[in-house]
Amino acid sequence: DDGGTYSFTVAEGGTYTITPSKLWYTLTPESETFTEVTSDITRDFNAVQNTHTISGTITGAGDVTVTLSGDAADTQIVEDGGTYSFTVAEGGSYTITSSKLWYTLTPESETFTEVTSDITQDFEAVRNTHILSGIIDGANGVTVTLSGDDSDAQIVDDGGSYSFTIDEGGSYTITPSKLYYSFLPASSAFAEVESDISQDFNAVRNT
């Protein structure tokens, strides 16, 4: 074991080779040969575990958290188009997990067992989206405006519906408008959206 000693009794005058070995380790020296032995010999060996690199590129989003777990643990924050890199011990088992709030990472994680070589694993981030929609009652030709972290507009007739695709985590306001009309509600605001939203509006002719 580590720090322990080995000892062989050998016949004088013989030739002998000492070779240490351990899976996933490099021993220095690799071996040593002694010829026509005429005295006691001491030869020490140093074992160093082999290492490899698990690395890859992140695309689609910045500030992505990449986490190493398993036989080692570490975390790195990677920008869009940037790379992460972990040095791991040979023979270990490791999981690489990528995450970012309001994004889906593909793949979400990958596990590698008994690593014996360098590994490349890329991840792609895609912003999650939701639908903000509703029905307009009471008037034709109503302009429905989306504002906030995205902007758009649609024209909707009486009984028709509007629909906007929005990024998860954003803040948005929906405002209907038509000359000579008031709306209930006048507008609706939504912050840090994390699901589909339905918001109807009722148009009333001003008198």
N, C-alpha and C. Protein backbone atom coordinates (compact mmCIF):
# COMPACT_ATOMS: atom_id res chain seq x y z
N ASP A 1 0.84 -1.20 0.00
CA ASP A 1 0.00 0.00 0.00
C ASP A 1 0.87 1.26 0.00
N ASP A 2 0.20 2.40 -0.13
CA ASP A 2 0.91 3.67 -0.18
C ASP A 2 1.80 3.84 1.05
N GLY A 3 3.08 4.12 0.80
CA GLY A 3 4.04 4.29 1.90
C GLY A 3 4.63 3.00 2.40
N GLY A 4 4.13 1.89 1.89
CA GLY A 4 4.64 0.58 2.30
C GLY A 4 5.87 0.17 1.51
N THR A 5 6.43 -0.98 1.87
CA THR A 5 7.66 -1.46 1.22
C THR A 5 7.46 -2.84 0.65
N TYR A 6 8.25 -3.13 -0.36
CA TYR A 6 8.30 -4.48 -0.91
C TYR A 6 9.70 -5.05 -0.61
N SER A 7 9.85 -6.36 -0.64
CA SER A 7 11.14 -6.99 -0.39
C SER A 7 11.17 -8.38 -1.02
N PHE A 8 12.16 -8.60 -1.86
CA PHE A 8 12.36 -9.92 -2.46
C PHE A 8 13.74 -10.44 -2.08
N THR A 9 13.81 -11.73 -1.74
CA THR A 9 15.10 -12.37 -1.50
C THR A 9 15.52 -13.08 -2.78
N VAL A 10 16.70 -12.73 -3.31
CA VAL A 10 17.13 -13.26 -4.60
C VAL A 10 18.53 -13.88 -4.46
N ALA A 11 18.85 -14.81 -5.36
CA ALA A 11 20.17 -15.47 -5.34
C ALA A 11 21.23 -14.52 -5.89
N GLU A 12 22.40 -14.49 -5.22
CA GLU A 12 23.51 -13.65 -5.67
C GLU A 12 23.96 -14.07 -7.06
N GLY A 13 24.31 -13.08 -7.87
CA GLY A 13 24.80 -13.34 -9.21
C GLY A 13 23.72 -13.38 -10.27
N GLY A 14 22.47 -13.39 -9.86
CA GLY A 14 21.38 -13.43 -10.83
C GLY A 14 21.05 -12.06 -11.41
N THR A 15 20.21 -12.08 -12.43
CA THR A 15 19.73 -10.85 -13.08
C THR A 15 18.22 -10.75 -12.85
N TYR A 16 17.76 -9.58 -12.41
CA TYR A 16 16.37 -9.42 -11.99
C TYR A 16 15.81 -8.07 -12.47
N THR A 17 14.54 -8.09 -12.74
CA THR A 17 13.84 -6.86 -13.11
C THR A 17 12.68 -6.64 -12.13
N ILE A 18 12.60 -5.45 -11.59
CA ILE A 18 11.50 -5.06 -10.70
C ILE A 18 10.55 -4.16 -11.50
N THR A 19 9.26 -4.54 -11.56
CA THR A 19 8.26 -3.77 -12.31
C THR A 19 7.02 -3.53 -11.44
N PRO A 20 6.73 -2.29 -11.08
CA PRO A 20 5.50 -1.99 -10.35
C PRO A 20 4.38 -1.64 -11.34
N SER A 21 3.15 -1.92 -10.99
CA SER A 21 2.03 -1.57 -11.87
C SER A 21 0.75 -1.42 -11.08
N LYS A 22 -0.06 -0.52 -11.51
CA LYS A 22 -1.39 -0.34 -10.93
C LYS A 22 -2.28 0.28 -12.00
N LEU A 23 -3.49 -0.27 -12.14
CA LEU A 23 -4.43 0.23 -13.14
C LEU A 23 -4.70 1.71 -12.90
N TRP A 24 -4.62 2.50 -13.99
CA TRP A 24 -4.91 3.93 -14.01
C TRP A 24 -3.80 4.79 -13.39
N TYR A 25 -2.64 4.18 -13.14
CA TYR A 25 -1.53 4.92 -12.56
C TYR A 25 -0.28 4.78 -13.44
N THR A 26 0.57 5.81 -13.40
CA THR A 26 1.90 5.73 -14.00
C THR A 26 2.93 5.62 -12.89
N LEU A 27 3.81 4.60 -12.97
CA LEU A 27 4.84 4.38 -11.97
C LEU A 27 6.19 4.86 -12.51
N THR A 28 6.93 5.56 -11.65
CA THR A 28 8.24 6.07 -12.03
C THR A 28 9.28 5.55 -11.05
N PRO A 29 10.35 4.89 -11.57
CA PRO A 29 10.48 4.46 -12.98
C PRO A 29 9.51 3.32 -13.29
N GLU A 30 9.32 3.06 -14.58
CA GLU A 30 8.39 2.01 -14.98
C GLU A 30 8.90 0.63 -14.57
N SER A 31 10.20 0.43 -14.64
CA SER A 31 10.83 -0.81 -14.18
C SER A 31 12.33 -0.56 -14.03
N GLU A 32 12.98 -1.49 -13.37
CA GLU A 32 14.42 -1.36 -13.15
C GLU A 32 15.04 -2.77 -13.19
N THR A 33 16.14 -2.91 -13.96
CA THR A 33 16.81 -4.21 -14.10
C THR A 33 18.18 -4.18 -13.42
N PHE A 34 18.48 -5.25 -12.72
CA PHE A 34 19.77 -5.36 -12.00
C PHE A 34 20.44 -6.67 -12.45
N THR A 35 21.68 -6.57 -12.89
CA THR A 35 22.40 -7.76 -13.39
C THR A 35 23.51 -8.17 -12.44
N GLU A 36 23.73 -9.49 -12.35
CA GLU A 36 24.79 -10.07 -11.51
C GLU A 36 24.81 -9.44 -10.12
N VAL A 37 23.69 -9.56 -9.46
CA VAL A 37 23.50 -8.93 -8.15
C VAL A 37 24.52 -9.48 -7.15
N THR A 38 25.22 -8.58 -6.45
CA THR A 38 26.23 -9.00 -5.46
C THR A 38 26.01 -8.33 -4.10
N SER A 39 24.91 -7.56 -3.99
CA SER A 39 24.64 -6.89 -2.70
C SER A 39 23.14 -6.55 -2.63
N ASP A 40 22.72 -6.16 -1.45
CA ASP A 40 21.33 -5.71 -1.30
C ASP A 40 21.10 -4.46 -2.16
N ILE A 41 19.89 -4.32 -2.69
CA ILE A 41 19.56 -3.19 -3.56
C ILE A 41 18.27 -2.54 -3.07
N THR A 42 18.26 -1.24 -3.09
CA THR A 42 17.04 -0.49 -2.77
C THR A 42 16.60 0.30 -4.00
N ARG A 43 15.40 0.11 -4.37
CA ARG A 43 14.83 0.88 -5.51
C ARG A 43 13.41 1.29 -5.14
N ASP A 44 13.17 2.58 -5.00
CA ASP A 44 11.85 3.11 -4.69
C ASP A 44 11.10 3.46 -5.98
N PHE A 45 9.77 3.47 -5.87
CA PHE A 45 8.92 3.83 -7.01
C PHE A 45 7.86 4.84 -6.56
N ASN A 46 7.51 5.73 -7.46
CA ASN A 46 6.50 6.75 -7.18
C ASN A 46 5.31 6.56 -8.12
N ALA A 47 4.12 6.45 -7.53
CA ALA A 47 2.90 6.25 -8.33
C ALA A 47 2.14 7.57 -8.45
N VAL A 48 1.72 7.91 -9.67
CA VAL A 48 0.91 9.11 -9.92
C VAL A 48 -0.32 8.70 -10.74
N GLN A 49 -1.50 9.03 -10.25
CA GLN A 49 -2.70 8.67 -10.99
C GLN A 49 -2.79 9.46 -12.29
N ASN A 50 -3.10 8.76 -13.37
CA ASN A 50 -3.25 9.42 -14.67
C ASN A 50 -4.48 10.33 -14.64
N THR A 51 -4.43 11.40 -15.41
CA THR A 51 -5.56 12.33 -15.49
C THR A 51 -5.96 12.55 -16.94
N HIS A 52 -7.21 12.97 -17.12
CA HIS A 52 -7.73 13.30 -18.44
C HIS A 52 -8.59 14.55 -18.32
N THR A 53 -8.98 15.06 -19.46
CA THR A 53 -9.78 16.29 -19.49
C THR A 53 -11.16 16.01 -20.06
N ILE A 54 -12.19 16.48 -19.33
CA ILE A 54 -13.55 16.51 -19.86
C ILE A 54 -13.86 17.96 -20.18
N SER A 55 -14.12 18.24 -21.44
CA SER A 55 -14.30 19.63 -21.86
C SER A 55 -15.35 19.72 -22.96
N GLY A 56 -15.76 20.95 -23.26
CA GLY A 56 -16.74 21.15 -24.32
C GLY A 56 -17.09 22.61 -24.48
N THR A 57 -17.95 22.88 -25.43
CA THR A 57 -18.37 24.24 -25.77
C THR A 57 -19.84 24.44 -25.42
N ILE A 58 -20.17 25.63 -24.94
CA ILE A 58 -21.55 26.01 -24.65
C ILE A 58 -22.02 27.00 -25.72
N THR A 59 -23.14 26.72 -26.37
CA THR A 59 -23.70 27.64 -27.35
C THR A 59 -25.16 27.94 -27.02
N GLY A 60 -25.58 29.15 -27.36
CA GLY A 60 -26.98 29.51 -27.21
C GLY A 60 -27.31 30.41 -26.05
N ALA A 61 -26.41 30.51 -25.08
CA ALA A 61 -26.67 31.36 -23.91
C ALA A 61 -25.37 31.58 -23.14
N GLY A 62 -25.32 32.73 -22.44
CA GLY A 62 -24.20 33.01 -21.56
C GLY A 62 -24.54 32.69 -20.12
N ASP A 63 -23.53 32.73 -19.26
CA ASP A 63 -23.70 32.45 -17.83
C ASP A 63 -24.34 31.09 -17.57
N VAL A 64 -23.94 30.10 -18.35
CA VAL A 64 -24.42 28.73 -18.14
C VAL A 64 -23.56 28.07 -17.06
N THR A 65 -24.22 27.43 -16.10
CA THR A 65 -23.51 26.72 -15.04
C THR A 65 -23.24 25.29 -15.49
N VAL A 66 -21.96 24.92 -15.50
CA VAL A 66 -21.56 23.55 -15.85
C VAL A 66 -20.99 22.91 -14.59
N THR A 67 -21.59 21.79 -14.18
CA THR A 67 -21.24 21.16 -12.91
C THR A 67 -20.65 19.77 -13.14
N LEU A 68 -19.53 19.51 -12.50
CA LEU A 68 -18.90 18.19 -12.48
C LEU A 68 -19.26 17.51 -11.16
N SER A 69 -19.76 16.26 -11.25
CA SER A 69 -20.06 15.49 -10.04
C SER A 69 -19.61 14.05 -10.25
N GLY A 70 -19.68 13.27 -9.20
CA GLY A 70 -19.22 11.89 -9.26
C GLY A 70 -18.01 11.71 -8.39
N ASP A 71 -16.93 11.19 -8.95
CA ASP A 71 -15.70 10.99 -8.19
C ASP A 71 -14.91 12.27 -8.00
N ALA A 72 -15.40 13.38 -8.53
CA ALA A 72 -14.82 14.70 -8.29
C ALA A 72 -15.95 15.72 -8.43
N ALA A 73 -15.76 16.90 -7.85
CA ALA A 73 -16.80 17.93 -7.90
C ALA A 73 -16.18 19.28 -8.23
N ASP A 74 -16.86 20.00 -9.12
CA ASP A 74 -16.38 21.34 -9.50
C ASP A 74 -17.51 22.03 -10.27
N THR A 75 -17.41 23.34 -10.41
CA THR A 75 -18.41 24.12 -11.14
C THR A 75 -17.72 25.23 -11.91
N GLN A 76 -18.18 25.48 -13.12
CA GLN A 76 -17.67 26.59 -13.92
C GLN A 76 -18.86 27.33 -14.55
N ILE A 77 -18.70 28.65 -14.72
CA ILE A 77 -19.68 29.48 -15.41
C ILE A 77 -19.12 29.80 -16.79
N VAL A 78 -19.91 29.52 -17.83
CA VAL A 78 -19.41 29.61 -19.21
C VAL A 78 -20.29 30.57 -20.02
N GLU A 79 -19.65 31.43 -20.79
CA GLU A 79 -20.37 32.35 -21.66
C GLU A 79 -20.72 31.68 -22.99
N ASP A 80 -21.61 32.30 -23.74
CA ASP A 80 -22.04 31.77 -25.03
C ASP A 80 -20.84 31.63 -25.97
N GLY A 81 -20.64 30.43 -26.48
CA GLY A 81 -19.50 30.17 -27.35
C GLY A 81 -18.22 29.84 -26.61
N GLY A 82 -18.27 29.90 -25.29
CA GLY A 82 -17.09 29.59 -24.48
C GLY A 82 -16.98 28.11 -24.18
N THR A 83 -15.91 27.74 -23.52
CA THR A 83 -15.64 26.34 -23.21
C THR A 83 -15.45 26.14 -21.71
N TYR A 84 -15.77 24.94 -21.26
CA TYR A 84 -15.46 24.51 -19.90
C TYR A 84 -14.41 23.41 -20.00
N SER A 85 -13.71 23.17 -18.92
CA SER A 85 -12.70 22.11 -18.91
C SER A 85 -12.45 21.66 -17.47
N PHE A 86 -12.59 20.35 -17.24
CA PHE A 86 -12.31 19.76 -15.94
C PHE A 86 -11.22 18.70 -16.10
N THR A 87 -10.24 18.71 -15.21
CA THR A 87 -9.23 17.66 -15.17
C THR A 87 -9.67 16.61 -14.16
N VAL A 88 -9.77 15.36 -14.61
CA VAL A 88 -10.29 14.29 -13.76
C VAL A 88 -9.31 13.12 -13.71
N ALA A 89 -9.40 12.35 -12.64
CA ALA A 89 -8.53 11.20 -12.47
C ALA A 89 -9.00 10.04 -13.36
N GLU A 90 -8.03 9.37 -13.98
CA GLU A 90 -8.34 8.22 -14.82
C GLU A 90 -9.01 7.13 -14.00
N GLY A 91 -10.01 6.47 -14.63
CA GLY A 91 -10.70 5.37 -13.98
C GLY A 91 -11.92 5.78 -13.19
N GLY A 92 -12.10 7.09 -12.98
CA GLY A 92 -13.24 7.55 -12.21
C GLY A 92 -14.51 7.63 -13.06
N SER A 93 -15.62 7.84 -12.38
CA SER A 93 -16.91 8.03 -13.04
C SER A 93 -17.40 9.44 -12.74
N TYR A 94 -17.84 10.13 -13.79
CA TYR A 94 -18.16 11.54 -13.65
C TYR A 94 -19.43 11.88 -14.43
N THR A 95 -20.16 12.88 -13.92
CA THR A 95 -21.34 13.40 -14.62
C THR A 95 -21.15 14.89 -14.85
N ILE A 96 -21.40 15.31 -16.08
CA ILE A 96 -21.35 16.72 -16.44
C ILE A 96 -22.80 17.19 -16.64
N THR A 97 -23.19 18.25 -15.91
CA THR A 97 -24.55 18.78 -15.98
C THR A 97 -24.50 20.26 -16.30
N SER A 98 -25.30 20.69 -17.27
CA SER A 98 -25.37 22.10 -17.63
C SER A 98 -26.75 22.64 -17.28
N SER A 99 -26.81 23.89 -16.83
CA SER A 99 -28.09 24.47 -16.43
C SER A 99 -28.06 25.98 -16.52
N LYS A 100 -29.22 26.54 -16.81
CA LYS A 100 -29.42 27.99 -16.79
C LYS A 100 -30.91 28.25 -16.64
N LEU A 101 -31.26 29.16 -15.73
CA LEU A 101 -32.65 29.49 -15.49
C LEU A 101 -33.32 29.95 -16.77
N TRP A 102 -34.50 29.37 -17.04
CA TRP A 102 -35.35 29.72 -18.18
C TRP A 102 -34.83 29.16 -19.51
N TYR A 103 -33.85 28.25 -19.45
CA TYR A 103 -33.31 27.64 -20.66
C TYR A 103 -33.37 26.12 -20.54
N THR A 104 -33.46 25.46 -21.69
CA THR A 104 -33.31 24.01 -21.77
C THR A 104 -31.95 23.72 -22.41
N LEU A 105 -31.15 22.90 -21.73
CA LEU A 105 -29.84 22.52 -22.24
C LEU A 105 -29.91 21.12 -22.82
N THR A 106 -29.30 20.96 -24.00
CA THR A 106 -29.29 19.67 -24.68
C THR A 106 -27.85 19.24 -24.94
N PRO A 107 -27.44 18.05 -24.41
CA PRO A 107 -28.19 17.24 -23.43
C PRO A 107 -28.17 17.94 -22.07
N GLU A 108 -29.06 17.55 -21.19
CA GLU A 108 -29.08 18.15 -19.86
C GLU A 108 -27.86 17.71 -19.06
N SER A 109 -27.48 16.44 -19.21
CA SER A 109 -26.31 15.91 -18.51
C SER A 109 -25.79 14.69 -19.25
N GLU A 110 -24.53 14.36 -18.98
CA GLU A 110 -23.91 13.16 -19.54
C GLU A 110 -23.02 12.53 -18.46
N THR A 111 -23.06 11.19 -18.38
CA THR A 111 -22.26 10.46 -17.41
C THR A 111 -21.22 9.60 -18.12
N PHE A 112 -20.01 9.62 -17.59
CA PHE A 112 -18.90 8.86 -18.17
C PHE A 112 -18.30 7.99 -17.06
N THR A 113 -18.19 6.68 -17.33
CA THR A 113 -17.69 5.75 -16.32
C THR A 113 -16.32 5.21 -16.72
N GLU A 114 -15.48 4.99 -15.71
CA GLU A 114 -14.12 4.46 -15.90
C GLU A 114 -13.41 5.18 -17.04
N VAL A 115 -13.27 6.48 -16.89
CA VAL A 115 -12.67 7.34 -17.92
C VAL A 115 -11.22 6.94 -18.16
N THR A 116 -10.90 6.70 -19.43
CA THR A 116 -9.53 6.31 -19.79
C THR A 116 -8.95 7.20 -20.89
N SER A 117 -9.64 8.25 -21.27
CA SER A 117 -9.14 9.16 -22.31
C SER A 117 -9.83 10.51 -22.16
N ASP A 118 -9.32 11.51 -22.87
CA ASP A 118 -9.96 12.82 -22.87
C ASP A 118 -11.35 12.70 -23.49
N ILE A 119 -12.29 13.52 -23.02
CA ILE A 119 -13.67 13.47 -23.48
C ILE A 119 -14.12 14.87 -23.88
N THR A 120 -14.84 14.97 -24.99
CA THR A 120 -15.45 16.23 -25.41
C THR A 120 -16.97 16.09 -25.38
N GLN A 121 -17.63 17.00 -24.67
CA GLN A 121 -19.09 16.99 -24.60
C GLN A 121 -19.59 18.43 -24.68
N ASP A 122 -20.24 18.75 -25.81
CA ASP A 122 -20.80 20.08 -26.02
C ASP A 122 -22.24 20.14 -25.53
N PHE A 123 -22.72 21.36 -25.22
CA PHE A 123 -24.09 21.58 -24.80
C PHE A 123 -24.67 22.77 -25.56
N GLU A 124 -25.95 22.66 -25.91
CA GLU A 124 -26.65 23.74 -26.59
C GLU A 124 -27.81 24.23 -25.73
N ALA A 125 -27.87 25.55 -25.52
CA ALA A 125 -28.92 26.15 -24.71
C ALA A 125 -29.98 26.78 -25.62
N VAL A 126 -31.25 26.52 -25.30
CA VAL A 126 -32.37 27.11 -26.04
C VAL A 126 -33.32 27.74 -25.03
N ARG A 127 -33.65 29.00 -25.24
CA ARG A 127 -34.55 29.71 -24.32
C ARG A 127 -35.95 29.08 -24.37
N ASN A 128 -36.51 28.78 -23.23
CA ASN A 128 -37.87 28.26 -23.16
C ASN A 128 -38.86 29.36 -23.57
N THR A 129 -39.96 28.98 -24.19
CA THR A 129 -40.96 29.94 -24.61
C THR A 129 -42.34 29.53 -24.10
N HIS A 130 -43.23 30.53 -24.04
CA HIS A 130 -44.61 30.29 -23.65
C HIS A 130 -45.52 31.11 -24.56
N ILE A 131 -46.82 30.84 -24.45
CA ILE A 131 -47.82 31.53 -25.26
C ILE A 131 -48.63 32.48 -24.36
N LEU A 132 -48.71 33.73 -24.79
CA LEU A 132 -49.56 34.72 -24.14
C LEU A 132 -50.69 35.01 -25.11
N SER A 133 -51.92 34.63 -24.75
CA SER A 133 -53.03 34.70 -25.69
C SER A 133 -54.32 35.08 -24.99
N GLY A 134 -55.34 35.35 -25.78
CA GLY A 134 -56.64 35.67 -25.22
C GLY A 134 -57.64 36.02 -26.31
N ILE A 135 -58.87 36.32 -25.91
CA ILE A 135 -59.98 36.62 -26.82
C ILE A 135 -60.40 38.08 -26.66
N ILE A 136 -60.73 38.71 -27.77
CA ILE A 136 -61.25 40.07 -27.77
C ILE A 136 -62.75 40.02 -28.03
N ASP A 137 -63.54 40.60 -27.14
CA ASP A 137 -65.00 40.67 -27.32
C ASP A 137 -65.44 42.13 -27.38
N GLY A 138 -66.40 42.41 -28.25
CA GLY A 138 -67.07 43.70 -28.22
C GLY A 138 -66.74 44.66 -29.34
N ALA A 139 -65.72 44.34 -30.17
CA ALA A 139 -65.38 45.26 -31.25
C ALA A 139 -64.51 44.57 -32.28
N ASN A 140 -64.60 45.04 -33.52
CA ASN A 140 -63.72 44.60 -34.59
C ASN A 140 -62.51 45.53 -34.70
N GLY A 141 -61.47 45.04 -35.34
CA GLY A 141 -60.31 45.87 -35.62
C GLY A 141 -59.59 46.38 -34.39
N VAL A 142 -59.54 45.58 -33.34
CA VAL A 142 -58.84 45.98 -32.11
C VAL A 142 -57.34 45.70 -32.26
N THR A 143 -56.52 46.69 -31.92
CA THR A 143 -55.07 46.51 -31.93
C THR A 143 -54.62 45.99 -30.56
N VAL A 144 -54.00 44.83 -30.56
CA VAL A 144 -53.47 44.25 -29.32
C VAL A 144 -51.95 44.36 -29.40
N THR A 145 -51.38 45.09 -28.42
CA THR A 145 -49.95 45.40 -28.45
C THR A 145 -49.23 44.68 -27.33
N LEU A 146 -48.14 44.02 -27.69
CA LEU A 146 -47.23 43.39 -26.72
C LEU A 146 -46.05 44.31 -26.51
N SER A 147 -45.71 44.60 -25.26
CA SER A 147 -44.54 45.42 -24.95
C SER A 147 -43.80 44.82 -23.76
N GLY A 148 -42.63 45.36 -23.46
CA GLY A 148 -41.80 44.83 -22.38
C GLY A 148 -40.52 44.26 -22.93
N ASP A 149 -40.23 42.99 -22.60
CA ASP A 149 -38.99 42.36 -23.09
C ASP A 149 -39.10 41.91 -24.54
N ASP A 150 -40.27 42.07 -25.14
CA ASP A 150 -40.45 41.85 -26.57
C ASP A 150 -41.59 42.74 -27.02
N SER A 151 -41.66 43.03 -28.29
CA SER A 151 -42.72 43.90 -28.80
C SER A 151 -43.32 43.31 -30.06
N ASP A 152 -44.64 43.48 -30.18
CA ASP A 152 -45.36 42.98 -31.35
C ASP A 152 -46.76 43.58 -31.30
N ALA A 153 -47.51 43.41 -32.37
CA ALA A 153 -48.89 43.89 -32.39
C ALA A 153 -49.70 43.03 -33.35
N GLN A 154 -50.97 42.85 -33.02
CA GLN A 154 -51.90 42.10 -33.86
C GLN A 154 -53.24 42.82 -33.92
N ILE A 155 -53.94 42.70 -35.04
CA ILE A 155 -55.28 43.24 -35.20
C ILE A 155 -56.28 42.10 -35.05
N VAL A 156 -57.24 42.27 -34.14
CA VAL A 156 -58.17 41.20 -33.81
C VAL A 156 -59.61 41.70 -33.95
N ASP A 157 -60.47 40.89 -34.56
CA ASP A 157 -61.89 41.22 -34.68
C ASP A 157 -62.68 40.65 -33.50
N ASP A 158 -63.92 41.11 -33.38
CA ASP A 158 -64.80 40.69 -32.29
C ASP A 158 -64.91 39.17 -32.24
N GLY A 159 -64.61 38.62 -31.07
CA GLY A 159 -64.67 37.17 -30.88
C GLY A 159 -63.41 36.44 -31.31
N GLY A 160 -62.50 37.17 -31.90
CA GLY A 160 -61.24 36.57 -32.34
C GLY A 160 -60.21 36.52 -31.22
N SER A 161 -59.10 35.89 -31.49
CA SER A 161 -58.06 35.73 -30.47
C SER A 161 -56.73 36.26 -30.97
N TYR A 162 -55.91 36.69 -30.02
CA TYR A 162 -54.53 37.08 -30.29
C TYR A 162 -53.62 36.02 -29.66
N SER A 163 -52.38 35.95 -30.12
CA SER A 163 -51.43 34.99 -29.56
C SER A 163 -50.01 35.47 -29.83
N PHE A 164 -49.22 35.58 -28.77
CA PHE A 164 -47.82 35.96 -28.88
C PHE A 164 -46.96 34.87 -28.25
N THR A 165 -45.86 34.52 -28.91
CA THR A 165 -44.88 33.61 -28.33
C THR A 165 -43.82 34.44 -27.64
N ILE A 166 -43.60 34.19 -26.35
CA ILE A 166 -42.70 35.01 -25.55
C ILE A 166 -41.65 34.13 -24.86
N ASP A 167 -40.52 34.76 -24.53
CA ASP A 167 -39.46 34.05 -23.84
C ASP A 167 -39.78 33.87 -22.36
N GLU A 168 -39.47 32.70 -21.85
CA GLU A 168 -39.66 32.43 -20.42
C GLU A 168 -38.77 33.36 -19.61
N GLY A 169 -39.32 33.82 -18.48
CA GLY A 169 -38.55 34.68 -17.59
C GLY A 169 -38.67 36.16 -17.88
N GLY A 170 -39.27 36.50 -19.03
CA GLY A 170 -39.41 37.90 -19.39
C GLY A 170 -40.60 38.55 -18.71
N SER A 171 -40.66 39.88 -18.82
CA SER A 171 -41.79 40.66 -18.31
C SER A 171 -42.48 41.34 -19.48
N TYR A 172 -43.81 41.24 -19.52
CA TYR A 172 -44.56 41.69 -20.69
C TYR A 172 -45.85 42.40 -20.27
N THR A 173 -46.30 43.31 -21.14
CA THR A 173 -47.58 43.98 -20.95
C THR A 173 -48.41 43.83 -22.22
N ILE A 174 -49.68 43.46 -22.06
CA ILE A 174 -50.63 43.37 -23.17
C ILE A 174 -51.62 44.54 -23.06
N THR A 175 -51.74 45.31 -24.17
CA THR A 175 -52.63 46.47 -24.16
C THR A 175 -53.51 46.46 -25.41
N PRO A 176 -54.84 46.38 -25.23
CA PRO A 176 -55.74 46.49 -26.39
C PRO A 176 -56.13 47.96 -26.60
N SER A 177 -56.38 48.31 -27.86
CA SER A 177 -56.79 49.69 -28.13
C SER A 177 -57.62 49.77 -29.40
N LYS A 178 -58.58 50.69 -29.37
CA LYS A 178 -59.39 50.99 -30.56
C LYS A 178 -60.04 52.35 -30.32
N LEU A 179 -59.97 53.20 -31.33
CA LEU A 179 -60.55 54.53 -31.22
C LEU A 179 -62.02 54.45 -30.84
N TYR A 180 -62.37 55.26 -29.84
CA TYR A 180 -63.75 55.39 -29.34
C TYR A 180 -64.15 54.25 -28.41
N TYR A 181 -63.19 53.40 -28.03
CA TYR A 181 -63.53 52.27 -27.16
C TYR A 181 -62.66 52.28 -25.90
N SER A 182 -63.23 51.77 -24.83
CA SER A 182 -62.48 51.45 -23.62
C SER A 182 -62.45 49.94 -23.45
N PHE A 183 -61.45 49.46 -22.70
CA PHE A 183 -61.28 48.02 -22.54
C PHE A 183 -61.20 47.63 -21.07
N LEU A 184 -61.76 46.49 -20.80
CA LEU A 184 -61.69 45.89 -19.48
C LEU A 184 -60.98 44.54 -19.57
N PRO A 185 -59.81 44.39 -18.92
CA PRO A 185 -59.03 45.47 -18.29
C PRO A 185 -58.37 46.35 -19.34
N ALA A 186 -57.87 47.52 -18.92
CA ALA A 186 -57.22 48.43 -19.86
C ALA A 186 -55.92 47.82 -20.38
N SER A 187 -55.22 47.09 -19.55
CA SER A 187 -54.00 46.37 -19.93
C SER A 187 -53.68 45.36 -18.85
N SER A 188 -52.79 44.45 -19.13
CA SER A 188 -52.36 43.46 -18.13
C SER A 188 -50.86 43.26 -18.25
N ALA A 189 -50.19 43.24 -17.09
CA ALA A 189 -48.73 43.06 -17.05
C ALA A 189 -48.39 41.75 -16.36
N PHE A 190 -47.34 41.09 -16.85
CA PHE A 190 -46.91 39.80 -16.32
C PHE A 190 -45.38 39.82 -16.18
N ALA A 191 -44.89 39.46 -15.00
CA ALA A 191 -43.45 39.50 -14.73
C ALA A 191 -42.89 38.09 -14.58
N GLU A 192 -41.68 37.88 -15.08
CA GLU A 192 -40.97 36.60 -14.98
C GLU A 192 -41.89 35.43 -15.34
N VAL A 193 -42.37 35.47 -16.56
CA VAL A 193 -43.33 34.47 -17.05
C VAL A 193 -42.70 33.08 -17.07
N GLU A 194 -43.40 32.10 -16.49
CA GLU A 194 -42.90 30.73 -16.46
C GLU A 194 -43.92 29.71 -16.95
N SER A 195 -45.04 30.20 -17.52
CA SER A 195 -46.05 29.29 -18.05
C SER A 195 -46.88 30.03 -19.08
N ASP A 196 -47.70 29.29 -19.83
CA ASP A 196 -48.63 29.93 -20.76
C ASP A 196 -49.62 30.80 -19.98
N ILE A 197 -50.05 31.90 -20.62
CA ILE A 197 -50.96 32.84 -19.95
C ILE A 197 -52.14 33.13 -20.88
N SER A 198 -53.33 33.18 -20.30
CA SER A 198 -54.53 33.56 -21.04
C SER A 198 -55.11 34.83 -20.43
N GLN A 199 -55.32 35.85 -21.26
CA GLN A 199 -55.88 37.11 -20.81
C GLN A 199 -56.88 37.63 -21.84
N ASP A 200 -58.14 37.62 -21.49
CA ASP A 200 -59.19 38.12 -22.38
C ASP A 200 -59.45 39.61 -22.11
N PHE A 201 -59.99 40.29 -23.13
CA PHE A 201 -60.34 41.71 -23.00
C PHE A 201 -61.74 41.94 -23.57
N ASN A 202 -62.47 42.84 -22.91
CA ASN A 202 -63.81 43.19 -23.36
C ASN A 202 -63.83 44.66 -23.78
N ALA A 203 -64.24 44.91 -25.02
CA ALA A 203 -64.30 46.26 -25.55
C ALA A 203 -65.69 46.85 -25.33
N VAL A 204 -65.73 48.12 -24.86
CA VAL A 204 -67.00 48.81 -24.61
C VAL A 204 -66.95 50.17 -25.32
N ARG A 205 -67.95 50.44 -26.16
CA ARG A 205 -68.00 51.72 -26.90
C ARG A 205 -68.23 52.85 -25.90
N ASN A 206 -67.38 53.88 -25.98
CA ASN A 206 -67.54 55.04 -25.10
C ASN A 206 -68.84 55.77 -25.46
N THR A 207 -69.48 56.30 -24.46
CA THR A 207 -70.72 57.04 -24.69
C THR A 207 -70.63 58.42 -24.07
